[in-house]
Protein backbone atom coordinates (compact mmCIF):
# COMPACT_ATOMS: atom_id res chain seq x y z
CA UNK A 1 112.55 116.46 103.20
CA UNK A 2 113.40 112.89 102.25
CA UNK A 3 112.76 111.10 98.97
CA UNK A 4 112.56 107.33 98.63
CA UNK A 5 111.70 105.26 95.57
CA UNK A 6 109.19 102.43 95.99
CA UNK A 7 107.68 99.81 93.70
CA UNK A 8 104.53 101.96 93.45
CA UNK A 9 106.37 105.22 92.69
CA UNK A 10 107.93 107.84 94.98
CA UNK A 11 107.66 108.41 98.73
CA UNK A 12 108.18 112.01 99.84
CA UNK A 13 108.50 112.78 103.56
CA UNK A 14 107.94 116.34 104.71
CA UNK A 15 109.61 117.21 108.02
CA UNK A 16 108.96 120.12 110.42
CA UNK A 17 112.05 122.03 109.22
CA UNK A 18 111.00 122.04 105.57
CA UNK A 19 109.76 125.26 103.91
CA UNK A 20 108.08 126.05 100.61
CA UNK A 21 111.41 127.33 99.29
CA UNK A 22 113.50 124.37 100.39
CA UNK A 23 111.00 121.84 99.02
CA UNK A 24 110.70 123.71 95.75
CA UNK A 25 114.48 123.79 95.29
CA UNK A 26 114.87 120.15 96.25
CA UNK A 27 112.27 119.00 93.67
CA UNK A 28 113.45 121.30 90.90
CA UNK A 29 114.86 119.22 88.05
CA UNK A 30 113.40 115.96 89.32
CA UNK A 31 110.45 115.74 86.96
CA UNK A 32 111.40 112.19 86.01
CA UNK A 33 110.36 111.02 89.49
CA UNK A 34 107.72 113.55 90.48
CA UNK A 35 105.91 112.91 87.21
CA UNK A 36 104.65 109.57 88.55
CA UNK A 37 102.54 108.48 91.52
CA UNK A 38 103.87 110.16 94.69
CA UNK A 39 102.99 109.34 98.28
CA UNK A 40 103.46 112.35 100.54
CA UNK A 41 103.92 111.82 104.27
CA UNK A 42 103.63 114.68 106.80
CA UNK A 43 105.97 114.29 109.81
CA UNK A 44 104.97 116.28 112.90
CA UNK A 45 103.91 119.94 112.51
CA UNK A 46 105.07 120.38 108.96
CA UNK A 47 104.81 123.79 107.28
CA UNK A 48 101.65 123.98 105.15
CA UNK A 49 103.62 125.93 102.51
CA UNK A 50 106.00 122.99 102.14
CA UNK A 51 103.10 120.69 101.33
CA UNK A 52 101.65 123.11 98.81
CA UNK A 53 105.07 123.45 97.18
CA UNK A 54 105.36 119.66 96.89
CA UNK A 55 101.89 119.35 95.37
CA UNK A 56 102.58 122.11 92.91
CA UNK A 57 105.86 120.45 91.77
CA UNK A 58 104.07 117.11 91.30
CA UNK A 59 101.24 118.69 89.27
CA UNK A 60 103.68 120.68 87.08
CA UNK A 61 105.61 117.47 86.34
CA UNK A 62 102.42 115.73 85.27
CA UNK A 63 102.34 113.46 88.27
CA UNK A 64 99.64 112.69 90.78
CA UNK A 65 99.69 112.36 94.60
CA UNK A 66 98.61 108.79 95.18
CA UNK A 67 98.29 109.41 98.94
CA UNK A 68 98.84 112.17 101.41
CA UNK A 69 99.09 110.93 104.96
CA UNK A 70 100.37 111.69 108.43
CA UNK A 71 102.68 109.14 110.00
CA UNK A 72 100.98 106.33 111.88
CA UNK A 73 101.43 105.54 115.54
CA UNK A 74 101.73 101.81 116.09
CA UNK A 75 99.48 100.48 118.86
CA UNK A 76 99.86 96.92 120.14
CA UNK A 77 96.56 95.10 119.60
CA UNK A 78 95.20 92.73 122.28
CA UNK A 79 95.58 89.00 121.72
CA UNK A 80 91.84 88.65 121.13
CA UNK A 81 91.80 91.18 118.30
CA UNK A 82 90.93 89.88 114.79
CA UNK A 83 93.98 88.74 112.90
CA UNK A 84 92.77 90.10 109.54
CA UNK A 85 92.18 93.88 109.43
CA UNK A 86 89.68 95.55 107.17
CA UNK A 87 91.05 96.38 103.68
CA UNK A 88 92.33 99.91 103.45
CA UNK A 89 90.33 102.29 101.23
CA UNK A 90 93.68 103.99 100.48
CA UNK A 91 94.56 101.03 98.27
CA UNK A 92 91.49 101.43 96.01
CA UNK A 93 90.99 105.20 95.86
CA UNK A 94 93.32 108.12 95.31
CA UNK A 95 93.67 111.11 97.57
CA UNK A 96 91.44 114.07 96.62
CA UNK A 97 92.87 117.57 97.11
CA UNK A 98 90.48 120.40 97.98
CA UNK A 99 92.25 123.62 96.84
CA UNK A 100 90.75 125.97 99.45
CA UNK A 101 88.63 126.19 102.56
CA UNK A 102 85.36 124.33 102.97
CA UNK A 103 82.58 126.76 103.90
CA UNK A 104 79.65 126.30 106.28
CA UNK A 105 76.80 124.29 104.82
CA UNK A 106 79.02 122.10 102.61
CA UNK A 107 78.96 118.35 103.03
CA UNK A 108 81.54 116.45 101.04
CA UNK A 109 82.16 112.69 100.80
CA UNK A 110 85.24 110.90 99.44
CA UNK A 111 85.97 107.21 98.85
CA UNK A 112 89.63 107.51 99.81
CA UNK A 113 91.55 110.17 101.73
CA UNK A 114 91.11 113.93 101.37
CA UNK A 115 93.43 116.83 102.02
CA UNK A 116 91.99 120.35 102.43
CA UNK A 117 94.39 123.20 101.59
CA UNK A 118 92.63 125.61 103.94
CA UNK A 119 90.16 125.46 106.84
CA UNK A 120 87.05 123.41 107.37
CA UNK A 121 84.66 126.01 108.78
CA UNK A 122 81.94 125.50 111.42
CA UNK A 123 78.85 124.01 109.78
CA UNK A 124 80.86 122.10 107.15
CA UNK A 125 81.24 118.32 107.09
CA UNK A 126 83.96 116.16 105.55
CA UNK A 127 83.47 112.40 105.23
CA UNK A 128 86.20 110.10 103.88
CA UNK A 129 86.80 106.40 103.60
CA UNK A 130 90.43 107.07 104.46
CA UNK A 131 92.26 109.93 106.19
CA UNK A 132 91.07 113.51 106.63
CA UNK A 133 93.98 115.99 106.55
CA UNK A 134 93.30 119.70 106.94
CA UNK A 135 96.20 122.12 106.46
CA UNK A 136 94.29 124.81 108.29
CA UNK A 137 91.92 124.58 111.27
CA UNK A 138 89.28 121.87 111.45
CA UNK A 139 86.24 123.56 113.00
CA UNK A 140 83.56 121.59 111.18
CA UNK A 141 82.70 117.91 111.49
CA UNK A 142 85.10 115.28 110.15
CA UNK A 143 84.52 111.55 109.71
CA UNK A 144 87.59 109.53 108.71
CA UNK A 145 87.45 105.83 107.99
CA UNK A 146 83.78 105.75 107.04
CA UNK A 147 82.67 102.15 106.81
CA UNK A 148 84.74 100.97 109.80
CA UNK A 149 88.36 101.57 108.67
CA UNK A 150 89.90 101.91 112.09
CA UNK A 151 93.42 102.82 110.91
CA UNK A 152 92.31 106.15 109.47
CA UNK A 153 93.44 109.41 111.06
CA UNK A 154 92.36 113.05 111.31
CA UNK A 155 95.18 115.65 111.10
CA UNK A 156 94.65 119.41 111.31
CA UNK A 157 96.21 122.62 112.59
CA UNK A 158 94.48 122.37 115.03
CA UNK A 159 91.49 120.03 115.54
CA UNK A 160 89.03 122.60 116.80
CA UNK A 161 85.85 120.70 115.95
CA UNK A 162 82.81 119.96 118.09
CA UNK A 163 82.81 116.39 116.77
CA UNK A 164 85.06 113.99 114.90
CA UNK A 165 84.54 110.34 113.95
CA UNK A 166 87.10 107.68 113.09
CA UNK A 167 85.66 104.37 111.92
CA UNK A 168 82.75 103.70 114.19
CA UNK A 169 84.03 105.79 117.15
CA UNK A 170 82.86 109.31 117.96
CA UNK A 171 84.51 112.09 120.00
CA UNK A 172 82.35 115.03 121.04
CA UNK A 173 83.46 118.24 122.73
CA UNK A 174 81.60 119.64 125.73
CA UNK A 175 78.89 122.13 124.71
CA UNK A 176 80.36 125.56 123.98
CA UNK A 177 83.90 124.28 123.46
CA UNK A 178 86.00 122.40 120.89
CA UNK A 179 88.16 119.33 120.85
CA UNK A 180 91.29 121.48 120.65
CA UNK A 181 93.21 123.13 123.48
CA UNK A 182 94.05 125.95 121.06
CA UNK A 183 91.37 128.45 122.10
CA UNK A 184 93.23 131.69 121.46
CA UNK A 185 92.81 133.09 117.96
CA UNK A 186 96.18 134.83 118.10
CA UNK A 187 98.06 131.65 119.12
CA UNK A 188 100.33 129.95 116.63
CA UNK A 189 98.45 126.97 115.13
CA UNK A 190 99.78 123.57 116.23
CA UNK A 191 99.11 120.34 114.35
CA UNK A 192 97.08 117.68 116.11
CA UNK A 193 96.62 114.05 115.14
CA UNK A 194 93.53 112.04 116.07
CA UNK A 195 93.59 108.26 115.92
CA UNK A 196 91.90 105.26 117.42
CA UNK A 197 93.48 103.59 120.40
CA UNK A 198 91.66 100.84 122.32
CA UNK A 199 88.42 101.78 120.61
CA UNK A 200 88.67 105.43 121.77
CA UNK A 201 89.69 108.50 119.81
CA UNK A 202 92.98 109.96 121.10
CA UNK A 203 94.27 113.41 120.02
CA UNK A 204 98.00 114.05 120.20
CA UNK A 205 99.88 117.34 119.57
CA UNK A 206 102.39 116.98 116.77
CA UNK A 207 105.87 118.46 117.31
């Protein structure tokens, strides 16, 4: 775990080796910094318990997570690409935290980013102007970057959905399957990151 002060508050980076215990100990006694606006970044296949510990420490200190995001992958844009990108909805709306799983039949919309501390079950739908981050499995439908925000990402452990959208792009799984390679229920969940590259949705395994 790494902490870095910024003009807008605190930036907290969670790394794959972090645990709920190590994060809790590291943030203990730091209420003067966690009691403000905190941006949390998830690096690779971070432990979900570490994220929950960080969120708990921030809430107990009276702070608020301004953003929760996975690290971006920089892609070189073609010369003909527009020079001025769309404004990020992350700058105008805070991250919303859903404390548990989203059940089938639920459809939820958010202006900014959303982080689900559980699963998104089949038959559920999550729509966000920013990122969609699911600490458990994403088996329902997710739409990140609604309104055309192409820099949004979908992050889950794993992405096992039949359909995801990022901006105006759509990725659909073949009938009877999912977008994830993680088909075995007894397999250890692995984080996957979906992003736009060349107008197509690309899903990478996070390590």
